[in-house]
Amino acid sequence: MAAASRTAQVYESLKEELLNGRHAPRSKLAIDALAMRFSVSVGAVREALSRLTSDRLVEAVPQRGFVVAAVSRADLIDLTGGRIGI
C-alpha cells in the first residue's frame, strides 16, 4: 500500500472516530500508539493528524503534539450543516 493511501486510511478512520465521539475533547492523540494501531508509519499518522487540523477536528499544540479539538454548540451546528450539504 502506498504512503498516500495509508495516510488517507488513517485520516478517514480517525475522522469517523472523532465525528462519532470516540475520543474525548482535549484528549491527547498519541502518534506512536495510533501508528501501531493502524499498522502504519508515524509519518502517515502525523500527516493524517495535520489534515484533521484543517477540518478543525484536531488541534496541534506546540511541544505537546495533537489533541482532540473541543467542540462548541456553534461548531456542531456548523459541522452538521456542512455534512448535510455534502
Protein backbone atom coordinates (compact mmCIF):
# COMPACT_ATOMS: atom_id res chain seq x y z
CA MET A 1 0.00 0.00 0.00
CA ALA A 2 1.39 3.42 -0.96
CA ALA A 3 2.15 6.03 1.72
CA ALA A 4 -0.60 8.32 0.41
CA SER A 5 -3.22 5.59 0.70
CA ARG A 6 -2.05 4.70 4.23
CA THR A 7 -2.34 8.35 5.22
CA ALA A 8 -5.81 8.51 3.65
CA GLN A 9 -6.85 5.34 5.50
CA VAL A 10 -5.74 6.76 8.86
CA TYR A 11 -7.32 10.13 8.06
CA GLU A 12 -10.70 8.58 7.21
CA SER A 13 -10.68 6.21 10.19
CA LEU A 14 -9.73 8.92 12.68
CA LYS A 15 -12.19 11.38 11.18
CA GLU A 16 -15.01 8.88 11.62
CA GLU A 17 -13.93 8.18 15.20
CA LEU A 18 -13.75 11.89 16.01
CA LEU A 19 -17.14 12.64 14.48
CA ASN A 20 -18.65 9.74 16.41
CA GLY A 21 -17.22 11.00 19.71
CA ARG A 22 -14.88 8.07 20.31
CA HIS A 23 -12.17 10.43 21.59
CA ALA A 24 -12.86 12.90 24.39
CA PRO A 25 -12.35 16.62 23.68
CA ARG A 26 -8.84 17.83 24.57
CA SER A 27 -7.52 14.26 24.87
CA LYS A 28 -4.04 13.67 23.50
CA LEU A 29 -3.72 11.67 20.31
CA ALA A 30 -0.55 9.62 20.79
CA ILE A 31 1.14 9.31 17.41
CA ASP A 32 3.12 6.16 18.29
CA ALA A 33 0.05 4.36 19.63
CA LEU A 34 -2.01 5.33 16.58
CA ALA A 35 0.77 4.16 14.24
CA MET A 36 0.83 0.79 15.96
CA ARG A 37 -2.95 0.51 15.99
CA PHE A 38 -3.28 1.27 12.28
CA SER A 39 -0.06 -0.58 11.34
CA VAL A 40 1.36 2.46 9.57
CA SER A 41 4.37 4.73 9.98
CA VAL A 42 4.37 7.65 12.41
CA GLY A 43 4.76 9.88 9.34
CA ALA A 44 1.44 8.66 7.94
CA VAL A 45 -0.25 9.38 11.28
CA ARG A 46 1.32 12.85 11.52
CA GLU A 47 0.13 13.70 8.02
CA ALA A 48 -3.39 12.45 8.77
CA LEU A 49 -3.49 14.47 12.00
CA SER A 50 -2.27 17.55 10.14
CA ARG A 51 -5.10 17.12 7.65
CA LEU A 52 -7.56 16.78 10.52
CA THR A 53 -6.39 20.14 11.89
CA SER A 54 -7.65 21.67 8.64
CA ASP A 55 -11.03 20.10 9.38
CA ARG A 56 -10.87 21.63 12.88
CA LEU A 57 -11.30 18.20 14.44
CA VAL A 58 -7.78 18.14 15.87
CA GLU A 59 -5.55 20.87 17.27
CA ALA A 60 -1.76 20.96 17.05
CA VAL A 61 -0.31 22.04 20.39
CA PRO A 62 3.31 23.22 20.34
CA GLN A 63 5.61 20.92 22.35
CA ARG A 64 2.67 18.57 23.11
CA GLY A 65 1.58 17.11 19.80
CA PHE A 66 -2.04 16.74 18.75
CA VAL A 67 -5.22 16.84 20.83
CA VAL A 68 -8.88 16.36 20.01
CA ALA A 69 -10.47 19.73 19.38
CA ALA A 70 -13.04 20.95 21.85
CA VAL A 71 -16.36 21.34 20.14
CA SER A 72 -18.82 24.07 20.98
CA ARG A 73 -22.51 24.10 20.15
CA ALA A 74 -21.81 26.56 17.31
CA ASP A 75 -19.12 24.23 15.95
CA LEU A 76 -21.52 21.29 15.99
CA ILE A 77 -24.18 23.28 14.15
CA ASP A 78 -21.61 24.38 11.55
CA LEU A 79 -20.25 20.85 11.17
CA THR A 80 -23.74 19.37 10.85
CA GLY A 81 -24.65 21.95 8.22
CA GLY A 82 -21.54 21.05 6.25
CA ARG A 83 -22.27 17.34 6.43
CA ILE A 84 -25.86 17.91 5.30
CA GLY A 85 -24.56 19.92 2.35
CA ILE A 86 -22.28 17.09 1.29
